[in-house]
C-alpha atoms as a PDB file:
ATOM      1  CA  MET A   1     -73.447  -9.818   3.787  1.00  0.00           C
ATOM      2  CA  ALA A   2     -75.400  -6.512   3.867  1.00  0.00           C
ATOM      3  CA  ILE A   3     -77.118  -3.603   1.645  1.00  0.00           C
ATOM      4  CA  VAL A   4     -75.718  -0.220   2.400  1.00  0.00           C
ATOM      5  CA  ASP A   5     -77.495   2.859   1.473  1.00  0.00           C
ATOM      6  CA  ALA A   6     -75.740   6.470   0.331  1.00  0.00           C
ATOM      7  CA  ASN A   7     -75.040   7.401   3.805  1.00  0.00           C
ATOM      8  CA  TYR A   8     -73.282   4.500   4.415  1.00  0.00           C
ATOM      9  CA  CYS A   9     -76.060   3.012   7.169  1.00  0.00           C
ATOM     10  CA  PHE A  10     -76.809  -0.718   6.619  1.00  0.00           C
ATOM     11  CA  THR A  11     -80.467  -1.513   5.367  1.00  0.00           C
ATOM     12  CA  ILE A  12     -80.072  -5.185   5.188  1.00  0.00           C
ATOM     13  CA  VAL A  13     -77.585  -7.300   7.175  1.00  0.00           C
ATOM     14  CA  ASP A  14     -77.351 -11.288   6.692  1.00  0.00           C
ATOM     15  CA  VAL A  15     -74.966 -12.486   9.272  1.00  0.00           C
ATOM     16  CA  GLY A  16     -74.585 -16.581   9.954  1.00  0.00           C
ATOM     17  CA  SER A  17     -73.489 -18.176   6.947  1.00  0.00           C
ATOM     18  CA  TYR A  18     -69.970 -19.466   6.579  1.00  0.00           C
ATOM     19  CA  GLY A  19     -67.643 -17.719   4.079  1.00  0.00           C
ATOM     20  CA  ARG A  20     -66.484 -21.015   2.655  1.00  0.00           C
ATOM     21  CA  GLU A  21     -70.213 -21.630   1.006  1.00  0.00           C
ATOM     22  CA  GLY A  22     -69.223 -18.521  -1.062  1.00  0.00           C
ATOM     23  CA  ASP A  23     -71.219 -14.917  -1.679  1.00  0.00           C
ATOM     24  CA  THR A  24     -73.497 -15.892  -4.532  1.00  0.00           C
ATOM     25  CA  ASN A  25     -74.971 -19.095  -2.911  1.00  0.00           C
ATOM     26  CA  ILE A  26     -75.113 -17.277   0.844  1.00  0.00           C
ATOM     27  CA  PHE A  27     -76.928 -14.324  -0.881  1.00  0.00           C
ATOM     28  CA  LYS A  28     -79.680 -17.251  -2.865  1.00  0.00           C
ATOM     29  CA  GLN A  29     -80.181 -18.605   0.766  1.00  0.00           C
ATOM     30  CA  SER A  30     -80.810 -15.392   2.296  1.00  0.00           C
ATOM     31  CA  THR A  31     -84.478 -14.450   3.060  1.00  0.00           C
ATOM     32  CA  PHE A  32     -83.735 -11.372   0.762  1.00  0.00           C
ATOM     33  CA  GLY A  33     -82.297 -13.169  -1.866  1.00  0.00           C
ATOM     34  CA  LYS A  34     -84.766 -15.546  -2.125  1.00  0.00           C
ATOM     35  CA  GLN A  35     -87.126 -12.109  -2.201  1.00  0.00           C
ATOM     36  CA  LEU A  36     -85.147 -10.906  -4.917  1.00  0.00           C
ATOM     37  CA  TYR A  37     -85.023 -13.752  -7.417  1.00  0.00           C
ATOM     38  CA  ASN A  38     -88.760 -14.656  -7.083  1.00  0.00           C
ATOM     39  CA  ASN A  39     -89.834 -11.072  -7.635  1.00  0.00           C
ATOM     40  CA  SER A  40     -91.744 -10.624  -4.088  1.00  0.00           C
ATOM     41  CA  LEU A  41     -89.568  -7.604  -2.609  1.00  0.00           C
ATOM     42  CA  LYS A  42     -92.348  -5.030  -3.669  1.00  0.00           C
ATOM     43  CA  LEU A  43     -89.514  -2.633  -5.183  1.00  0.00           C
ATOM     44  CA  PRO A  44     -90.589   0.494  -6.949  1.00  0.00           C
ATOM     45  CA  PRO A  45     -91.778   0.105 -10.479  1.00  0.00           C
ATOM     46  CA  PRO A  46     -89.201   0.880 -13.060  1.00  0.00           C
ATOM     47  CA  THR A  47     -88.588   4.525 -14.087  1.00  0.00           C
ATOM     48  CA  ASN A  48     -86.524   6.532 -16.502  1.00  0.00           C
ATOM     49  CA  LEU A  49     -82.892   7.302 -15.778  1.00  0.00           C
ATOM     50  CA  PRO A  50     -82.432  11.091 -14.802  1.00  0.00           C
ATOM     51  CA  ASN A  51     -83.099  13.632 -17.621  1.00  0.00           C
ATOM     52  CA  THR A  52     -83.690  10.538 -20.346  1.00  0.00           C
ATOM     53  CA  ASN A  53     -87.249   9.698 -22.008  1.00  0.00           C
ATOM     54  CA  GLY A  54     -86.447   5.856 -21.543  1.00  0.00           C
ATOM     55  CA  PRO A  55     -86.701   3.249 -21.477  1.00  0.00           C
ATOM     56  CA  ALA A  56     -87.532   2.792 -18.077  1.00  0.00           C
ATOM     57  CA  LEU A  57     -85.100   0.650 -16.325  1.00  0.00           C
ATOM     58  CA  PRO A  58     -85.697  -1.318 -12.761  1.00  0.00           C
ATOM     59  CA  TYR A  59     -84.389  -0.395  -9.481  1.00  0.00           C
ATOM     60  CA  VAL A  60     -81.217  -2.252  -8.490  1.00  0.00           C
ATOM     61  CA  LEU A  61     -78.619  -3.510  -6.280  1.00  0.00           C
ATOM     62  CA  ILE A  62     -75.001  -3.891  -7.292  1.00  0.00           C
ATOM     63  CA  GLY A  63     -72.565  -6.309  -6.175  1.00  0.00           C
ATOM     64  CA  ASP A  64     -69.405  -7.818  -7.576  1.00  0.00           C
ATOM     65  CA  GLU A  65     -68.257 -10.553  -9.686  1.00  0.00           C
ATOM     66  CA  ALA A  66     -69.122 -13.164  -7.134  1.00  0.00           C
ATOM     67  CA  PHE A  67     -72.928 -12.063  -7.834  1.00  0.00           C
ATOM     68  CA  GLY A  68     -75.102 -13.638 -10.691  1.00  0.00           C
ATOM     69  CA  ILE A  69     -76.727 -11.261 -12.835  1.00  0.00           C
ATOM     70  CA  HIS A  70     -80.357 -10.473 -12.588  1.00  0.00           C
ATOM     71  CA  GLN A  71     -82.776  -7.803 -13.381  1.00  0.00           C
ATOM     72  CA  HIS A  72     -82.441  -6.271 -10.013  1.00  0.00           C
ATOM     73  CA  LEU A  73     -79.115  -6.910  -9.007  1.00  0.00           C
ATOM     74  CA  LEU A  74     -76.269  -5.657 -11.436  1.00  0.00           C
ATOM     75  CA  ARG A  75     -72.551  -6.972 -11.421  1.00  0.00           C
ATOM     76  CA  PRO A  76     -69.432  -5.797 -13.665  1.00  0.00           C
ATOM     77  CA  TYR A  77     -68.840  -7.085 -16.932  1.00  0.00           C
ATOM     78  CA  SER A  78     -66.278  -9.762 -17.293  1.00  0.00           C
ATOM     79  CA  SER A  79     -62.558  -8.516 -17.092  1.00  0.00           C
ATOM     80  CA  ARG A  80     -62.271 -10.194 -20.668  1.00  0.00           C
ATOM     81  CA  ASP A  81     -63.023  -8.374 -24.018  1.00  0.00           C
ATOM     82  CA  LEU A  82     -63.550  -5.122 -22.141  1.00  0.00           C
ATOM     83  CA  ASN A  83     -64.507  -2.498 -24.630  1.00  0.00           C
ATOM     84  CA  TYR A  84     -64.643   1.032 -23.576  1.00  0.00           C
ATOM     85  CA  SER A  85     -68.567   1.120 -22.230  1.00  0.00           C
ATOM     86  CA  LYS A  86     -67.819  -1.863 -20.624  1.00  0.00           C
ATOM     87  CA  ARG A  87     -64.932   0.046 -18.801  1.00  0.00           C
ATOM     88  CA  ILE A  88     -66.861   2.865 -18.167  1.00  0.00           C
ATOM     89  CA  PHE A  89     -69.669   0.634 -16.731  1.00  0.00           C
ATOM     90  CA  ASN A  90     -67.534  -1.108 -14.185  1.00  0.00           C
ATOM     91  CA  TYR A  91     -65.662   2.236 -13.179  1.00  0.00           C
ATOM     92  CA  ARG A  92     -68.865   3.654 -12.295  1.00  0.00           C
ATOM     93  CA  LEU A  93     -70.223   0.343 -10.471  1.00  0.00           C
ATOM     94  CA  CYS A  94     -67.185  -0.090  -8.478  1.00  0.00           C
ATOM     95  CA  ARG A  95     -67.421   3.571  -7.324  1.00  0.00           C
ATOM     96  CA  ALA A  96     -70.812   2.913  -6.551  1.00  0.00           C
ATOM     97  CA  ARG A  97     -69.729  -0.147  -4.383  1.00  0.00           C
ATOM     98  CA  ARG A  98     -67.146   2.170  -2.444  1.00  0.00           C
ATOM     99  CA  ASN A  99     -70.320   3.084  -0.244  1.00  0.00           C
ATOM    100  CA  VAL A 100     -70.439  -0.750   0.901  1.00  0.00           C
ATOM    101  CA  GLU A 101     -66.936  -0.840   1.418  1.00  0.00           C
ATOM    102  CA  CYS A 102     -66.549   2.205   3.139  1.00  0.00           C
ATOM    103  CA  ALA A 103     -69.657   1.224   5.556  1.00  0.00           C
ATOM    104  CA  PHE A 104     -67.715  -1.763   6.674  1.00  0.00           C
ATOM    105  CA  GLY A 105     -64.713   0.101   7.183  1.00  0.00           C
ATOM    106  CA  ILE A 106     -66.075   2.751   9.227  1.00  0.00           C
ATOM    107  CA  LEU A 107     -68.173  -0.264  11.207  1.00  0.00           C
ATOM    108  CA  CYS A 108     -64.466  -1.933  11.799  1.00  0.00           C
ATOM    109  CA  ARG A 109     -62.884   1.578  12.785  1.00  0.00           C
ATOM    110  CA  LYS A 110     -65.588   2.267  15.569  1.00  0.00           C
ATOM    111  CA  PHE A 111     -65.582  -1.437  16.606  1.00  0.00           C
ATOM    112  CA  GLU A 112     -62.178  -2.698  16.736  1.00  0.00           C
ATOM    113  CA  ILE A 113     -63.737  -6.082  17.685  1.00  0.00           C
ATOM    114  CA  PHE A 114     -63.956  -6.936  13.988  1.00  0.00           C
ATOM    115  CA  TYR A 115     -60.032  -6.631  13.388  1.00  0.00           C
ATOM    116  CA  GLY A 116     -59.480 -10.067  14.963  1.00  0.00           C
ATOM    117  CA  CYS A 117     -60.653 -13.116  15.836  1.00  0.00           C
ATOM    118  CA  ILE A 118     -63.749 -13.248  17.904  1.00  0.00           C
ATOM    119  CA  ALA A 119     -63.456 -15.665  20.785  1.00  0.00           C
ATOM    120  CA  VAL A 120     -67.079 -16.557  21.425  1.00  0.00           C
ATOM    121  CA  GLY A 121     -69.460 -19.081  19.834  1.00  0.00           C
ATOM    122  CA  PRO A 122     -71.014 -18.467  16.753  1.00  0.00           C
ATOM    123  CA  ASP A 123     -74.505 -17.730  17.839  1.00  0.00           C
ATOM    124  CA  PHE A 124     -72.725 -14.862  20.055  1.00  0.00           C
ATOM    125  CA  VAL A 125     -70.986 -13.600  17.231  1.00  0.00           C
ATOM    126  CA  SER A 126     -74.078 -13.466  15.051  1.00  0.00           C
ATOM    127  CA  ILE A 127     -75.487 -11.003  18.000  1.00  0.00           C
ATOM    128  CA  ILE A 128     -72.416  -8.846  18.380  1.00  0.00           C
ATOM    129  CA  VAL A 129     -72.343  -8.424  14.230  1.00  0.00           C
ATOM    130  CA  GLN A 130     -76.158  -7.265  14.678  1.00  0.00           C
ATOM    131  CA  ALA A 131     -75.491  -5.045  17.845  1.00  0.00           C
ATOM    132  CA  ALA A 132     -72.838  -3.542  15.856  1.00  0.00           C
ATOM    133  CA  THR A 133     -74.545  -2.606  12.768  1.00  0.00           C
ATOM    134  CA  VAL A 134     -77.693  -0.887  14.803  1.00  0.00           C
ATOM    135  CA  LEU A 135     -75.207   1.115  16.851  1.00  0.00           C
ATOM    136  CA  HIS A 136     -73.478   1.934  13.838  1.00  0.00           C
ATOM    137  CA  ASN A 137     -76.664   3.401  12.212  1.00  0.00           C
ATOM    138  CA  TYR A 138     -77.316   5.268  15.141  1.00  0.00           C
ATOM    139  CA  ILE A 139     -73.947   6.854  15.210  1.00  0.00           C
ATOM    140  CA  ARG A 140     -74.447   7.654  11.974  1.00  0.00           C
ATOM    141  CA  ARG A 141     -77.774   8.981  11.853  1.00  0.00           C
ATOM    142  CA  ARG A 142     -77.148  11.111  15.074  1.00  0.00           C
ATOM    143  CA  ASP A 143     -73.654  12.313  14.143  1.00  0.00           C
ATOM    144  CA  GLY A 144     -74.124  12.945  10.145  1.00  0.00           C
ATOM    145  CA  PHE A 145     -72.092  12.560   7.558  1.00  0.00           C
ATOM    146  CA  ALA A 146     -67.986  12.820   8.293  1.00  0.00           C
ATOM    147  CA  PHE A 147     -66.156  13.102   4.765  1.00  0.00           C
ATOM    148  CA  GLU A 148     -63.039  11.967   6.695  1.00  0.00           C
ATOM    149  CA  ASP A 149     -64.842   8.617   7.283  1.00  0.00           C
ATOM    150  CA  THR A 150     -64.598   7.740   3.748  1.00  0.00           C
ATOM    151  CA  LEU A 151     -61.067   8.469   3.362  1.00  0.00           C
ATOM    152  CA  ASN A 152     -58.970   5.556   2.812  1.00  0.00           C
ATOM    153  CA  CYS A 153     -61.758   3.056   1.970  1.00  0.00           C
ATOM    154  CA  ASP A 154     -59.819   2.409  -1.620  1.00  0.00           C
ATOM    155  CA  ASN A 155     -59.067  -0.742  -0.910  1.00  0.00           C
ATOM    156  CA  MET A 156     -61.187  -2.076   2.239  1.00  0.00           C
ATOM    157  CA  LEU A 157     -62.384  -5.049   0.387  1.00  0.00           C
ATOM    158  CA  ALA A 158     -60.582  -6.559  -2.584  1.00  0.00           C
ATOM    159  CA  ILE A 159     -62.000  -6.796  -6.101  1.00  0.00           C
ATOM    160  CA  GLU A 160     -61.563  -9.421  -7.464  1.00  0.00           C
ATOM    161  CA  PRO A 161     -63.194 -11.911  -9.711  1.00  0.00           C
ATOM    162  CA  ARG A 162     -64.439 -15.232  -7.680  1.00  0.00           C
ATOM    163  CA  GLY A 163     -65.476 -17.394 -10.799  1.00  0.00           C
ATOM    164  CA  THR A 164     -68.546 -17.468 -13.343  1.00  0.00           C
ATOM    165  CA  ALA A 165     -72.001 -16.935 -11.927  1.00  0.00           C
ATOM    166  CA  SER A 166     -75.336 -17.416 -13.938  1.00  0.00           C
ATOM    167  CA  ARG A 167     -76.559 -15.259 -16.096  1.00  0.00           C
ATOM    168  CA  SER A 168     -79.793 -13.627 -16.586  1.00  0.00           C
ATOM    169  CA  LEU A 169     -80.217 -12.159 -20.439  1.00  0.00           C
ATOM    170  CA  VAL A 170     -82.891  -9.349 -19.100  1.00  0.00           C
ATOM    171  CA  GLY A 171     -80.304  -8.573 -16.106  1.00  0.00           C
ATOM    172  CA  GLN A 172     -77.407  -8.110 -19.096  1.00  0.00           C
ATOM    173  CA  GLN A 173     -79.990  -6.258 -21.313  1.00  0.00           C
ATOM    174  CA  PHE A 174     -80.507  -3.898 -18.389  1.00  0.00           C
ATOM    175  CA  ARG A 175     -76.567  -3.713 -17.423  1.00  0.00           C
ATOM    176  CA  ASP A 176     -76.246  -2.596 -21.012  1.00  0.00           C
ATOM    177  CA  GLN A 177     -78.818   0.070 -20.691  1.00  0.00           C
ATOM    178  CA  PHE A 178     -76.891   1.216 -17.726  1.00  0.00           C
ATOM    179  CA  ALA A 179     -73.599   1.371 -19.884  1.00  0.00           C
ATOM    180  CA  GLN A 180     -75.005   3.531 -22.436  1.00  0.00           C
ATOM    181  CA  TYR A 181     -76.712   5.619 -20.114  1.00  0.00           C
ATOM    182  CA  PHE A 182     -72.906   6.171 -18.373  1.00  0.00           C
ATOM    183  CA  LEU A 183     -71.859   7.021 -21.867  1.00  0.00           C
ATOM    184  CA  SER A 184     -74.666   9.498 -22.562  1.00  0.00           C
ATOM    185  CA  GLU A 185     -74.084  13.399 -22.193  1.00  0.00           C
ATOM    186  CA  VAL A 186     -76.531  13.287 -19.391  1.00  0.00           C
ATOM    187  CA  GLY A 187     -75.148  10.110 -17.680  1.00  0.00           C
ATOM    188  CA  SER A 188     -71.814  10.852 -17.987  1.00  0.00           C
ATOM    189  CA  VAL A 189     -69.174  12.331 -15.037  1.00  0.00           C
ATOM    190  CA  PRO A 190     -66.541  14.511 -16.194  1.00  0.00           C
ATOM    191  CA  TRP A 191     -64.025  12.336 -14.603  1.00  0.00           C
ATOM    192  CA  GLN A 192     -64.697   8.889 -15.532  1.00  0.00           C
ATOM    193  CA  ASN A 193     -62.480   8.825 -18.690  1.00  0.00           C
ATOM    194  CA  ASN A 194     -59.450   9.615 -17.034  1.00  0.00           C
ATOM    195  CA  ARG A 195     -59.865   6.602 -14.449  1.00  0.00           C
ATOM    196  CA  ILE A 196     -59.944   3.759 -16.763  1.00  0.00           C
END
C-alpha cells in the first residue's frame, strides 16, 4: 500500500501485510493510517480550492471503494443511484488515482521481479519492495518525468467495489463539496462531460 505524489514518486509505503486482510484493515493498522484517523499527522490547515472564496476544505488523500471515507480521505460514491454530480466526482477521483496506478506500473516495468512470485521469505520480500521503491524514486528524480511512462496505465489496477466501508458524515460533506467544485465554472475541466 502506498501514497504517491504527482511525479509518480512513492512518499509513504507500507509493506508486509497479507492481502487477505483487506485494504481498509491494513490501512487502519498502519502507522500512517492510525495517525490519519486520530488527526495527528500535522497536515496543513484547510484552505480554499483554487479560484474560490470558500468554504475552506481539508487536504485529502484519495482511495478506492475499499477505504472508509474520512475528512482527510476521499473515496468514490457508491455505483448505485449516481446522479450527474456524483458521476463527475467519481471520474475526477479516478483520474487522480491514475498516478498511484501508474507509479506501481512504472515500478513493475523497471523491476520485473514484481511480475511473478518472489521466491524468498516474507521478511526479505519486504526489504526488496522497500529497496525497489527507494530506487524507483531516485530514478524518477534523476531522470525526470517521461510521458511515455504513463501510457497504458489505464487498467493497471482494477477499479472494482470491494464491499461497504464505514462512512464519516464529515467526510461525506467534504466529498459533496468537492463534487460541487468539479461542476463549477472554476473547478470543471472541458473534457469531463465526455468521459462519463
